[in-house]
Amino acid sequence: MMYITLTSVTVKMNPVKRAKFWYWAFSFMIATESMTRYGQTTTLNGERLALTVWNDQHGIVDFMESGTPQKVMKNKVLNDVCTSSRFYSYETDRIPSWQEASKLLETKGQSYNLS
């Protein structure tokens, strides 16, 4: 079994906001690289989607307790660069397709309207 974390964000159209988004997105990718089995991002239906595969729930907790998420929350980055975001984590034995991930986020994801 593995743990999947799905994330969807809609980034504001402002070029400065997009640059700030990518700065923080790369920070997240670097921070999770050694903690995860697999991670990938794509754009689907105008949203940025991230799919992260963790060995266990401890990996997710370790990441959430690391410095990067706290910096993002402290600096209110999501509110500044995104209009909405959704998150969903679950246990499974297979990695979903992007279409499945998008549907799971739509039906089960916890949604945050930020703007």
PDB file of N, CA and C in Angstrom:
ATOM      1  N   MET A   1       0.831  -1.186   0.000  1.00  0.00           N
ATOM      2  CA  MET A   1       0.000   0.000   0.000  1.00  0.00           C
ATOM      3  C   MET A   1       0.876   1.249   0.000  1.00  0.00           C
ATOM      4  N   MET A   2       0.297   2.318  -0.476  1.00  0.00           N
ATOM      5  CA  MET A   2       0.978   3.604  -0.514  1.00  0.00           C
ATOM      6  C   MET A   2      -0.042   4.697  -0.235  1.00  0.00           C
ATOM      7  N   TYR A   3       0.453   5.875   0.054  1.00  0.00           N
ATOM      8  CA  TYR A   3      -0.406   7.022   0.309  1.00  0.00           C
ATOM      9  C   TYR A   3      -0.233   8.025  -0.816  1.00  0.00           C
ATOM     10  N   ILE A   4      -1.350   8.484  -1.317  1.00  0.00           N
ATOM     11  CA  ILE A   4      -1.369   9.442  -2.418  1.00  0.00           C
ATOM     12  C   ILE A   4      -1.858  10.783  -1.877  1.00  0.00           C
ATOM     13  N   THR A   5      -1.178  11.846  -2.247  1.00  0.00           N
ATOM     14  CA  THR A   5      -1.645  13.192  -1.967  1.00  0.00           C
ATOM     15  C   THR A   5      -1.868  13.877  -3.302  1.00  0.00           C
ATOM     16  N   LEU A   6      -3.081  14.376  -3.499  1.00  0.00           N
ATOM     17  CA  LEU A   6      -3.433  15.103  -4.710  1.00  0.00           C
ATOM     18  C   LEU A   6      -3.640  16.567  -4.349  1.00  0.00           C
ATOM     19  N   THR A   7      -3.117  17.436  -5.171  1.00  0.00           N
ATOM     20  CA  THR A   7      -3.255  18.870  -4.954  1.00  0.00           C
ATOM     21  C   THR A   7      -3.634  19.524  -6.268  1.00  0.00           C
ATOM     22  N   SER A   8      -4.553  20.470  -6.208  1.00  0.00           N
ATOM     23  CA  SER A   8      -4.957  21.244  -7.376  1.00  0.00           C
ATOM     24  C   SER A   8      -4.962  22.712  -6.992  1.00  0.00           C
ATOM     25  N   VAL A   9      -4.334  23.535  -7.801  1.00  0.00           N
ATOM     26  CA  VAL A   9      -4.371  24.985  -7.570  1.00  0.00           C
ATOM     27  C   VAL A   9      -4.669  25.695  -8.884  1.00  0.00           C
ATOM     28  N   THR A  10      -5.391  26.801  -8.788  1.00  0.00           N
ATOM     29  CA  THR A  10      -5.608  27.690  -9.924  1.00  0.00           C
ATOM     30  C   THR A  10      -4.778  28.941  -9.643  1.00  0.00           C
ATOM     31  N   VAL A  11      -3.769  29.142 -10.473  1.00  0.00           N
ATOM     32  CA  VAL A  11      -2.827  30.245 -10.264  1.00  0.00           C
ATOM     33  C   VAL A  11      -3.373  31.509 -10.922  1.00  0.00           C
ATOM     34  N   LYS A  12      -3.218  32.637 -10.242  1.00  0.00           N
ATOM     35  CA  LYS A  12      -3.657  33.922 -10.783  1.00  0.00           C
ATOM     36  C   LYS A  12      -2.906  34.231 -12.078  1.00  0.00           C
ATOM     37  N   MET A  13      -3.525  34.982 -12.960  1.00  0.00           N
ATOM     38  CA  MET A  13      -2.970  35.258 -14.281  1.00  0.00           C
ATOM     39  C   MET A  13      -1.817  36.269 -14.262  1.00  0.00           C
ATOM     40  N   ASN A  14      -1.658  37.010 -13.218  1.00  0.00           N
ATOM     41  CA  ASN A  14      -0.608  38.022 -13.095  1.00  0.00           C
ATOM     42  C   ASN A  14       0.774  37.374 -13.243  1.00  0.00           C
ATOM     43  N   PRO A  15       1.644  37.880 -14.152  1.00  0.00           N
ATOM     44  CA  PRO A  15       2.966  37.274 -14.358  1.00  0.00           C
ATOM     45  C   PRO A  15       3.833  37.249 -13.096  1.00  0.00           C
ATOM     46  N   VAL A  16       3.739  38.258 -12.264  1.00  0.00           N
ATOM     47  CA  VAL A  16       4.513  38.284 -11.021  1.00  0.00           C
ATOM     48  C   VAL A  16       4.017  37.189 -10.076  1.00  0.00           C
ATOM     49  N   LYS A  17       2.705  37.030  -9.997  1.00  0.00           N
ATOM     50  CA  LYS A  17       2.126  35.984  -9.140  1.00  0.00           C
ATOM     51  C   LYS A  17       2.522  34.604  -9.653  1.00  0.00           C
ATOM     52  N   ARG A  18       2.546  34.423 -10.972  1.00  0.00           N
ATOM     53  CA  ARG A  18       2.941  33.135 -11.547  1.00  0.00           C
ATOM     54  C   ARG A  18       4.400  32.815 -11.223  1.00  0.00           C
ATOM     55  N   ALA A  19       5.261  33.818 -11.308  1.00  0.00           N
ATOM     56  CA  ALA A  19       6.680  33.609 -10.972  1.00  0.00           C
ATOM     57  C   ALA A  19       6.824  33.220  -9.500  1.00  0.00           C
ATOM     58  N   LYS A  20       6.070  33.890  -8.639  1.00  0.00           N
ATOM     59  CA  LYS A  20       6.105  33.566  -7.216  1.00  0.00           C
ATOM     60  C   LYS A  20       5.589  32.149  -6.969  1.00  0.00           C
ATOM     61  N   PHE A  21       4.526  31.770  -7.693  1.00  0.00           N
ATOM     62  CA  PHE A  21       4.013  30.410  -7.582  1.00  0.00           C
ATOM     63  C   PHE A  21       5.106  29.394  -7.926  1.00  0.00           C
ATOM     64  N   TRP A  22       5.793  29.585  -9.037  1.00  0.00           N
ATOM     65  CA  TRP A  22       6.817  28.624  -9.465  1.00  0.00           C
ATOM     66  C   TRP A  22       7.979  28.559  -8.485  1.00  0.00           C
ATOM     67  N   TYR A  23       8.330  29.697  -7.892  1.00  0.00           N
ATOM     68  CA  TYR A  23       9.389  29.688  -6.879  1.00  0.00           C
ATOM     69  C   TYR A  23       9.001  28.751  -5.738  1.00  0.00           C
ATOM     70  N   TRP A  24       7.784  28.896  -5.224  1.00  0.00           N
ATOM     71  CA  TRP A  24       7.338  28.061  -4.108  1.00  0.00           C
ATOM     72  C   TRP A  24       7.084  26.623  -4.542  1.00  0.00           C
ATOM     73  N   ALA A  25       6.587  26.429  -5.770  1.00  0.00           N
ATOM     74  CA  ALA A  25       6.353  25.066  -6.268  1.00  0.00           C
ATOM     75  C   ALA A  25       7.669  24.291  -6.336  1.00  0.00           C
ATOM     76  N   PHE A  26       8.719  24.930  -6.845  1.00  0.00           N
ATOM     77  CA  PHE A  26      10.023  24.263  -6.901  1.00  0.00           C
ATOM     78  C   PHE A  26      10.562  23.988  -5.500  1.00  0.00           C
ATOM     79  N   SER A  27      10.321  24.883  -4.561  1.00  0.00           N
ATOM     80  CA  SER A  27      10.728  24.661  -3.169  1.00  0.00           C
ATOM     81  C   SER A  27      10.060  23.406  -2.615  1.00  0.00           C
ATOM     82  N   PHE A  28       8.762  23.242  -2.908  1.00  0.00           N
ATOM     83  CA  PHE A  28       8.034  22.057  -2.457  1.00  0.00           C
ATOM     84  C   PHE A  28       8.588  20.809  -3.108  1.00  0.00           C
ATOM     85  N   MET A  29       8.843  20.861  -4.426  1.00  0.00           N
ATOM     86  CA  MET A  29       9.360  19.685  -5.124  1.00  0.00           C
ATOM     87  C   MET A  29      10.712  19.245  -4.567  1.00  0.00           C
ATOM     88  N   ILE A  30      11.574  20.199  -4.299  1.00  0.00           N
ATOM     89  CA  ILE A  30      12.895  19.880  -3.742  1.00  0.00           C
ATOM     90  C   ILE A  30      12.751  19.303  -2.336  1.00  0.00           C
ATOM     91  N   ALA A  31      11.860  19.894  -1.532  1.00  0.00           N
ATOM     92  CA  ALA A  31      11.674  19.438  -0.147  1.00  0.00           C
ATOM     93  C   ALA A  31      11.108  18.027  -0.076  1.00  0.00           C
ATOM     94  N   THR A  32      10.260  17.653  -1.015  1.00  0.00           N
ATOM     95  CA  THR A  32       9.628  16.331  -0.959  1.00  0.00           C
ATOM     96  C   THR A  32      10.415  15.255  -1.695  1.00  0.00           C
ATOM     97  N   GLU A  33      11.361  15.642  -2.517  1.00  0.00           N
ATOM     98  CA  GLU A  33      12.050  14.680  -3.382  1.00  0.00           C
ATOM     99  C   GLU A  33      12.632  13.489  -2.631  1.00  0.00           C
ATOM    100  N   SER A  34      13.277  13.730  -1.500  1.00  0.00           N
ATOM    101  CA  SER A  34      13.897  12.625  -0.763  1.00  0.00           C
ATOM    102  C   SER A  34      12.901  11.891   0.148  1.00  0.00           C
ATOM    103  N   MET A  35      11.685  12.430   0.303  1.00  0.00           N
ATOM    104  CA  MET A  35      10.702  11.852   1.212  1.00  0.00           C
ATOM    105  C   MET A  35       9.651  11.008   0.518  1.00  0.00           C
ATOM    106  N   THR A  36       9.609  11.034  -0.797  1.00  0.00           N
ATOM    107  CA  THR A  36       8.522  10.397  -1.527  1.00  0.00           C
ATOM    108  C   THR A  36       9.024   9.307  -2.470  1.00  0.00           C
ATOM    109  N   ARG A  37       8.092   8.470  -2.875  1.00  0.00           N
ATOM    110  CA  ARG A  37       8.377   7.458  -3.894  1.00  0.00           C
ATOM    111  C   ARG A  37       8.324   8.058  -5.289  1.00  0.00           C
ATOM    112  N   TYR A  38       7.368   8.991  -5.480  1.00  0.00           N
ATOM    113  CA  TYR A  38       7.068   9.487  -6.813  1.00  0.00           C
ATOM    114  C   TYR A  38       6.339  10.806  -6.690  1.00  0.00           C
ATOM    115  N   GLY A  39       6.583  11.707  -7.611  1.00  0.00           N
ATOM    116  CA  GLY A  39       5.848  12.957  -7.660  1.00  0.00           C
ATOM    117  C   GLY A  39       5.849  13.496  -9.075  1.00  0.00           C
ATOM    118  N   GLN A  40       4.740  14.069  -9.476  1.00  0.00           N
ATOM    119  CA  GLN A  40       4.630  14.607 -10.820  1.00  0.00           C
ATOM    120  C   GLN A  40       3.584  15.714 -10.815  1.00  0.00           C
ATOM    121  N   THR A  41       3.715  16.646 -11.751  1.00  0.00           N
ATOM    122  CA  THR A  41       2.733  17.713 -11.902  1.00  0.00           C
ATOM    123  C   THR A  41       2.299  17.798 -13.357  1.00  0.00           C
ATOM    124  N   THR A  42       1.130  18.386 -13.555  1.00  0.00           N
ATOM    125  CA  THR A  42       0.623  18.621 -14.900  1.00  0.00           C
ATOM    126  C   THR A  42      -0.403  19.744 -14.836  1.00  0.00           C
ATOM    127  N   THR A  43      -0.846  20.190 -15.996  1.00  0.00           N
ATOM    128  CA  THR A  43      -1.955  21.134 -16.087  1.00  0.00           C
ATOM    129  C   THR A  43      -3.120  20.410 -16.740  1.00  0.00           C
ATOM    130  N   LEU A  44      -4.296  20.514 -16.130  1.00  0.00           N
ATOM    131  CA  LEU A  44      -5.492  19.868 -16.662  1.00  0.00           C
ATOM    132  C   LEU A  44      -6.680  20.768 -16.357  1.00  0.00           C
ATOM    133  N   ASN A  45      -7.446  21.095 -17.374  1.00  0.00           N
ATOM    134  CA  ASN A  45      -8.639  21.941 -17.220  1.00  0.00           C
ATOM    135  C   ASN A  45      -8.318  23.279 -16.548  1.00  0.00           C
ATOM    136  N   GLY A  46      -7.165  23.860 -16.868  1.00  0.00           N
ATOM    137  CA  GLY A  46      -6.793  25.164 -16.332  1.00  0.00           C
ATOM    138  C   GLY A  46      -6.247  25.150 -14.918  1.00  0.00           C
ATOM    139  N   GLU A  47      -6.078  23.979 -14.339  1.00  0.00           N
ATOM    140  CA  GLU A  47      -5.558  23.865 -12.978  1.00  0.00           C
ATOM    141  C   GLU A  47      -4.188  23.194 -13.006  1.00  0.00           C
ATOM    142  N   ARG A  48      -3.343  23.559 -12.050  1.00  0.00           N
ATOM    143  CA  ARG A  48      -2.079  22.858 -11.840  1.00  0.00           C
ATOM    144  C   ARG A  48      -2.377  21.709 -10.884  1.00  0.00           C
ATOM    145  N   LEU A  49      -2.059  20.494 -11.300  1.00  0.00           N
ATOM    146  CA  LEU A  49      -2.274  19.321 -10.462  1.00  0.00           C
ATOM    147  C   LEU A  49      -0.932  18.737 -10.043  1.00  0.00           C
ATOM    148  N   ALA A  50      -0.859  18.312  -8.801  1.00  0.00           N
ATOM    149  CA  ALA A  50       0.330  17.614  -8.300  1.00  0.00           C
ATOM    150  C   ALA A  50      -0.118  16.295  -7.701  1.00  0.00           C
ATOM    151  N   LEU A  51       0.626  15.254  -8.013  1.00  0.00           N
ATOM    152  CA  LEU A  51       0.353  13.917  -7.497  1.00  0.00           C
ATOM    153  C   LEU A  51       1.625  13.461  -6.794  1.00  0.00           C
ATOM    154  N   THR A  52       1.508  13.150  -5.514  1.00  0.00           N
ATOM    155  CA  THR A  52       2.663  12.726  -4.729  1.00  0.00           C
ATOM    156  C   THR A  52       2.363  11.376  -4.107  1.00  0.00           C
ATOM    157  N   VAL A  53       3.321  10.459  -4.229  1.00  0.00           N
ATOM    158  CA  VAL A  53       3.185   9.114  -3.671  1.00  0.00           C
ATOM    159  C   VAL A  53       4.155   8.986  -2.501  1.00  0.00           C
ATOM    160  N   TRP A  54       3.607   8.628  -1.351  1.00  0.00           N
ATOM    161  CA  TRP A  54       4.376   8.492  -0.122  1.00  0.00           C
ATOM    162  C   TRP A  54       4.426   7.018   0.280  1.00  0.00           C
ATOM    163  N   ASN A  55       5.501   6.605   0.938  1.00  0.00           N
ATOM    164  CA  ASN A  55       5.593   5.231   1.442  1.00  0.00           C
ATOM    165  C   ASN A  55       4.572   4.961   2.535  1.00  0.00           C
ATOM    166  N   ASP A  56       4.356   5.955   3.387  1.00  0.00           N
ATOM    167  CA  ASP A  56       3.432   5.794   4.509  1.00  0.00           C
ATOM    168  C   ASP A  56       2.992   7.165   5.000  1.00  0.00           C
ATOM    169  N   GLN A  57       2.087   7.181   5.953  1.00  0.00           N
ATOM    170  CA  GLN A  57       1.579   8.442   6.490  1.00  0.00           C
ATOM    171  C   GLN A  57       2.658   9.225   7.230  1.00  0.00           C
ATOM    172  N   HIS A  58       3.654   8.532   7.752  1.00  0.00           N
ATOM    173  CA  HIS A  58       4.733   9.221   8.472  1.00  0.00           C
ATOM    174  C   HIS A  58       5.478  10.180   7.548  1.00  0.00           C
ATOM    175  N   GLY A  59       5.621   9.804   6.288  1.00  0.00           N
ATOM    176  CA  GLY A  59       6.280  10.680   5.319  1.00  0.00           C
ATOM    177  C   GLY A  59       5.519  11.976   5.130  1.00  0.00           C
ATOM    178  N   ILE A  60       4.204  11.880   5.072  1.00  0.00           N
ATOM    179  CA  ILE A  60       3.370  13.079   4.932  1.00  0.00           C
ATOM    180  C   ILE A  60       3.524  13.963   6.162  1.00  0.00           C
ATOM    181  N   VAL A  61       3.477  13.346   7.344  1.00  0.00           N
ATOM    182  CA  VAL A  61       3.617  14.096   8.600  1.00  0.00           C
ATOM    183  C   VAL A  61       5.000  14.751   8.667  1.00  0.00           C
ATOM    184  N   ASP A  62       6.035  14.004   8.307  1.00  0.00           N
ATOM    185  CA  ASP A  62       7.394  14.566   8.325  1.00  0.00           C
ATOM    186  C   ASP A  62       7.488  15.778   7.407  1.00  0.00           C
ATOM    187  N   PHE A  63       6.903  15.677   6.232  1.00  0.00           N
ATOM    188  CA  PHE A  63       6.929  16.812   5.309  1.00  0.00           C
ATOM    189  C   PHE A  63       6.161  17.998   5.876  1.00  0.00           C
ATOM    190  N   MET A  64       4.970  17.748   6.418  1.00  0.00           N
ATOM    191  CA  MET A  64       4.170  18.847   6.960  1.00  0.00           C
ATOM    192  C   MET A  64       4.867  19.523   8.138  1.00  0.00           C
ATOM    193  N   GLU A  65       5.723  18.782   8.840  1.00  0.00           N
ATOM    194  CA  GLU A  65       6.454  19.360   9.965  1.00  0.00           C
ATOM    195  C   GLU A  65       7.784  19.988   9.538  1.00  0.00           C
ATOM    196  N   SER A  66       8.154  19.824   8.267  1.00  0.00           N
ATOM    197  CA  SER A  66       9.396  20.437   7.780  1.00  0.00           C
ATOM    198  C   SER A  66       9.174  21.935   7.571  1.00  0.00           C
ATOM    199  N   GLY A  67      10.212  22.644   7.256  1.00  0.00           N
ATOM    200  CA  GLY A  67      10.133  24.101   7.165  1.00  0.00           C
ATOM    201  C   GLY A  67       9.328  24.661   6.008  1.00  0.00           C
ATOM    202  N   THR A  68       9.306  24.000   4.862  1.00  0.00           N
ATOM    203  CA  THR A  68       8.679  24.580   3.672  1.00  0.00           C
ATOM    204  C   THR A  68       7.187  24.851   3.833  1.00  0.00           C
ATOM    205  N   PRO A  69       6.369  23.900   4.282  1.00  0.00           N
ATOM    206  CA  PRO A  69       4.941  24.220   4.425  1.00  0.00           C
ATOM    207  C   PRO A  69       4.683  25.379   5.396  1.00  0.00           C
ATOM    208  N   GLN A  70       5.466  25.442   6.465  1.00  0.00           N
ATOM    209  CA  GLN A  70       5.278  26.530   7.427  1.00  0.00           C
ATOM    210  C   GLN A  70       5.602  27.885   6.789  1.00  0.00           C
ATOM    211  N   LYS A  71       6.631  27.928   5.952  1.00  0.00           N
ATOM    212  CA  LYS A  71       6.968  29.183   5.261  1.00  0.00           C
ATOM    213  C   LYS A  71       5.837  29.608   4.335  1.00  0.00           C
ATOM    214  N   VAL A  72       5.264  28.656   3.622  1.00  0.00           N
ATOM    215  CA  VAL A  72       4.163  28.963   2.702  1.00  0.00           C
ATOM    216  C   VAL A  72       2.962  29.493   3.481  1.00  0.00           C
ATOM    217  N   MET A  73       2.621  28.831   4.602  1.00  0.00           N
ATOM    218  CA  MET A  73       1.484  29.280   5.406  1.00  0.00           C
ATOM    219  C   MET A  73       1.764  30.639   6.039  1.00  0.00           C
ATOM    220  N   LYS A  74       2.960  30.801   6.596  1.00  0.00           N
ATOM    221  CA  LYS A  74       3.317  32.054   7.261  1.00  0.00           C
ATOM    222  C   LYS A  74       3.259  33.236   6.289  1.00  0.00           C
ATOM    223  N   ASN A  75       3.748  33.020   5.075  1.00  0.00           N
ATOM    224  CA  ASN A  75       3.780  34.092   4.079  1.00  0.00           C
ATOM    225  C   ASN A  75       2.490  34.198   3.263  1.00  0.00           C
ATOM    226  N   LYS A  76       1.496  33.359   3.594  1.00  0.00           N
ATOM    227  CA  LYS A  76       0.195  33.371   2.925  1.00  0.00           C
ATOM    228  C   LYS A  76       0.349  33.296   1.404  1.00  0.00           C
ATOM    229  N   VAL A  77       1.267  32.427   0.963  1.00  0.00           N
ATOM    230  CA  VAL A  77       1.569  32.296  -0.455  1.00  0.00           C
ATOM    231  C   VAL A  77       0.357  31.859  -1.259  1.00  0.00           C
ATOM    232  N   LEU A  78      -0.377  30.849  -0.773  1.00  0.00           N
ATOM    233  CA  LEU A  78      -1.536  30.384  -1.535  1.00  0.00           C
ATOM    234  C   LEU A  78      -2.531  31.512  -1.769  1.00  0.00           C
ATOM    235  N   ASN A  79      -2.806  32.301  -0.744  1.00  0.00           N
ATOM    236  CA  ASN A  79      -3.736  33.414  -0.877  1.00  0.00           C
ATOM    237  C   ASN A  79      -3.224  34.443  -1.884  1.00  0.00           C
ATOM    238  N   ASP A  80      -1.913  34.617  -1.933  1.00  0.00           N
ATOM    239  CA  ASP A  80      -1.318  35.630  -2.789  1.00  0.00           C
ATOM    240  C   ASP A  80      -1.277  35.218  -4.257  1.00  0.00           C
ATOM    241  N   VAL A  81      -0.989  33.956  -4.541  1.00  0.00           N
ATOM    242  CA  VAL A  81      -0.745  33.548  -5.932  1.00  0.00           C
ATOM    243  C   VAL A  81      -1.847  32.684  -6.549  1.00  0.00           C
ATOM    244  N   CYS A  82      -2.770  32.174  -5.743  1.00  0.00           N
ATOM    245  CA  CYS A  82      -3.796  31.258  -6.262  1.00  0.00           C
ATOM    246  C   CYS A  82      -5.197  31.783  -5.968  1.00  0.00           C
ATOM    247  N   THR A  83      -6.130  31.425  -6.845  1.00  0.00           N
ATOM    248  CA  THR A  83      -7.529  31.793  -6.592  1.00  0.00           C
ATOM    249  C   THR A  83      -8.271  30.677  -5.877  1.00  0.00           C
ATOM    250  N   SER A  84      -7.802  29.436  -6.034  1.00  0.00           N
ATOM    251  CA  SER A  84      -8.423  28.309  -5.338  1.00  0.00           C
ATOM    252  C   SER A  84      -7.437  27.163  -5.229  1.00  0.00           C
ATOM    253  N   SER A  85      -7.702  26.284  -4.294  1.00  0.00           N
ATOM    254  CA  SER A  85      -6.874  25.082  -4.145  1.00  0.00           C
ATOM    255  C   SER A  85      -7.736  23.975  -3.553  1.00  0.00           C
ATOM    256  N   ARG A  86      -7.362  22.733  -3.880  1.00  0.00           N
ATOM    257  CA  ARG A  86      -8.046  21.560  -3.340  1.00  0.00           C
ATOM    258  C   ARG A  86      -6.994  20.517  -2.988  1.00  0.00           C
ATOM    259  N   PHE A  87      -7.267  19.758  -1.935  1.00  0.00           N
ATOM    260  CA  PHE A  87      -6.342  18.736  -1.453  1.00  0.00           C
ATOM    261  C   PHE A  87      -7.110  17.466  -1.129  1.00  0.00           C
ATOM    262  N   TYR A  88      -6.467  16.328  -1.402  1.00  0.00           N
ATOM    263  CA  TYR A  88      -7.067  15.049  -1.037  1.00  0.00           C
ATOM    264  C   TYR A  88      -5.942  14.031  -0.876  1.00  0.00           C
ATOM    265  N   SER A  89      -5.975  13.272   0.210  1.00  0.00           N
ATOM    266  CA  SER A  89      -5.009  12.197   0.455  1.00  0.00           C
ATOM    267  C   SER A  89      -5.764  10.920   0.762  1.00  0.00           C
ATOM    268  N   TYR A  90      -5.191   9.796   0.309  1.00  0.00           N
ATOM    269  CA  TYR A  90      -5.837   8.513   0.561  1.00  0.00           C
ATOM    270  C   TYR A  90      -4.831   7.382   0.399  1.00  0.00           C
ATOM    271  N   GLU A  91      -5.200   6.211   0.914  1.00  0.00           N
ATOM    272  CA  GLU A  91      -4.377   5.010   0.821  1.00  0.00           C
ATOM    273  C   GLU A  91      -4.865   4.173  -0.355  1.00  0.00           C
ATOM    274  N   THR A  92      -3.936   3.593  -1.110  1.00  0.00           N
ATOM    275  CA  THR A  92      -4.296   2.801  -2.276  1.00  0.00           C
ATOM    276  C   THR A  92      -3.158   1.848  -2.634  1.00  0.00           C
ATOM    277  N   ASP A  93      -3.411   0.994  -3.597  1.00  0.00           N
ATOM    278  CA  ASP A  93      -2.359   0.103  -4.074  1.00  0.00           C
ATOM    279  C   ASP A  93      -1.927   0.439  -5.503  1.00  0.00           C
ATOM    280  N   ARG A  94      -2.484   1.545  -6.073  1.00  0.00           N
ATOM    281  CA  ARG A  94      -2.071   1.949  -7.418  1.00  0.00           C
ATOM    282  C   ARG A  94      -2.118   3.468  -7.587  1.00  0.00           C
ATOM    283  N   ILE A  95      -1.321   3.951  -8.517  1.00  0.00           N
ATOM    284  CA  ILE A  95      -1.262   5.384  -8.809  1.00  0.00           C
ATOM    285  C   ILE A  95      -2.380   5.724  -9.794  1.00  0.00           C
ATOM    286  N   PRO A  96      -3.184   6.748  -9.499  1.00  0.00           N
ATOM    287  CA  PRO A  96      -4.287   7.096 -10.405  1.00  0.00           C
ATOM    288  C   PRO A  96      -3.777   7.805 -11.663  1.00  0.00           C
ATOM    289  N   SER A  97      -4.568   7.751 -12.728  1.00  0.00           N
ATOM    290  CA  SER A  97      -4.281   8.563 -13.916  1.00  0.00           C
ATOM    291  C   SER A  97      -4.586  10.025 -13.571  1.00  0.00           C
ATOM    292  N   TRP A  98      -4.185  10.934 -14.441  1.00  0.00           N
ATOM    293  CA  TRP A  98      -4.487  12.351 -14.188  1.00  0.00           C
ATOM    294  C   TRP A  98      -5.994  12.596 -14.208  1.00  0.00           C
ATOM    295  N   GLN A  99      -6.702  11.907 -15.078  1.00  0.00           N
ATOM    296  CA  GLN A  99      -8.153  12.079 -15.128  1.00  0.00           C
ATOM    297  C   GLN A  99      -8.794  11.576 -13.833  1.00  0.00           C
ATOM    298  N   GLU A 100      -8.325  10.437 -13.331  1.00  0.00           N
ATOM    299  CA  GLU A 100      -8.838   9.914 -12.056  1.00  0.00           C
ATOM    300  C   GLU A 100      -8.500  10.867 -10.913  1.00  0.00           C
ATOM    301  N   ALA A 101      -7.282  11.388 -10.920  1.00  0.00           N
ATOM    302  CA  ALA A 101      -6.859  12.328  -9.869  1.00  0.00           C
ATOM    303  C   ALA A 101      -7.736  13.574  -9.876  1.00  0.00           C
ATOM    304  N   SER A 102      -7.990  14.108 -11.061  1.00  0.00           N
ATOM    305  CA  SER A 102      -8.834  15.298 -11.180  1.00  0.00           C
ATOM    306  C   SER A 102     -10.240  15.023 -10.669  1.00  0.00           C
ATOM    307  N   LYS A 103     -10.785  13.873 -11.001  1.00  0.00           N
ATOM    308  CA  LYS A 103     -12.138  13.504 -10.552  1.00  0.00           C
ATOM    309  C   LYS A 103     -12.176  13.325  -9.027  1.00  0.00           C
ATOM    310  N   LEU A 104     -11.151  12.686  -8.468  1.00  0.00           N
ATOM    311  CA  LEU A 104     -11.085  12.529  -7.008  1.00  0.00           C
ATOM    312  C   LEU A 104     -11.027  13.891  -6.317  1.00  0.00           C
ATOM    313  N   LEU A 105     -10.231  14.802  -6.852  1.00  0.00           N
ATOM    314  CA  LEU A 105     -10.158  16.143  -6.263  1.00  0.00           C
ATOM    315  C   LEU A 105     -11.507  16.849  -6.352  1.00  0.00           C
ATOM    316  N   GLU A 106     -12.178  16.678  -7.476  1.00  0.00           N
ATOM    317  CA  GLU A 106     -13.474  17.316  -7.677  1.00  0.00           C
ATOM    318  C   GLU A 106     -14.527  16.771  -6.724  1.00  0.00           C
ATOM    319  N   THR A 107     -14.528  15.458  -6.507  1.00  0.00           N
ATOM    320  CA  THR A 107     -15.599  14.840  -5.707  1.00  0.00           C
ATOM    321  C   THR A 107     -15.262  14.695  -4.222  1.00  0.00           C
ATOM    322  N   LYS A 108     -13.965  14.545  -3.890  1.00  0.00           N
ATOM    323  CA  LYS A 108     -13.606  14.285  -2.506  1.00  0.00           C
ATOM    324  C   LYS A 108     -12.630  15.298  -1.912  1.00  0.00           C
ATOM    325  N   GLY A 109     -12.070  16.141  -2.756  1.00  0.00           N
ATOM    326  CA  GLY A 109     -11.063  17.083  -2.279  1.00  0.00           C
ATOM    327  C   GLY A 109     -11.632  18.155  -1.377  1.00  0.00           C
ATOM    328  N   GLN A 110     -10.818  18.562  -0.429  1.00  0.00           N
ATOM    329  CA  GLN A 110     -11.196  19.671   0.441  1.00  0.00           C
ATOM    330  C   GLN A 110     -10.825  20.947  -0.310  1.00  0.00           C
ATOM    331  N   SER A 111     -11.789  21.796  -0.538  1.00  0.00           N
ATOM    332  CA  SER A 111     -11.625  22.973  -1.372  1.00  0.00           C
ATOM    333  C   SER A 111     -11.405  24.222  -0.528  1.00  0.00           C
ATOM    334  N   TYR A 112     -10.520  25.074  -1.042  1.00  0.00           N
ATOM    335  CA  TYR A 112     -10.235  26.357  -0.392  1.00  0.00           C
ATOM    336  C   TYR A 112     -10.339  27.449  -1.443  1.00  0.00           C
ATOM    337  N   ASN A 113     -11.224  28.413  -1.239  1.00  0.00           N
ATOM    338  CA  ASN A 113     -11.288  29.582  -2.105  1.00  0.00           C
ATOM    339  C   ASN A 113     -10.454  30.674  -1.456  1.00  0.00           C
ATOM    340  N   LEU A 114      -9.484  31.152  -2.188  1.00  0.00           N
ATOM    341  CA  LEU A 114      -8.465  31.988  -1.565  1.00  0.00           C
ATOM    342  C   LEU A 114      -8.556  33.461  -1.908  1.00  0.00           C
ATOM    343  N   SER A 115      -9.174  33.802  -2.994  1.00  0.00           N
ATOM    344  CA  SER A 115      -9.145  35.213  -3.386  1.00  0.00           C
ATOM    345  C   SER A 115     -10.264  36.007  -2.769  1.00  0.00           C
TER     346      SER A 115
END
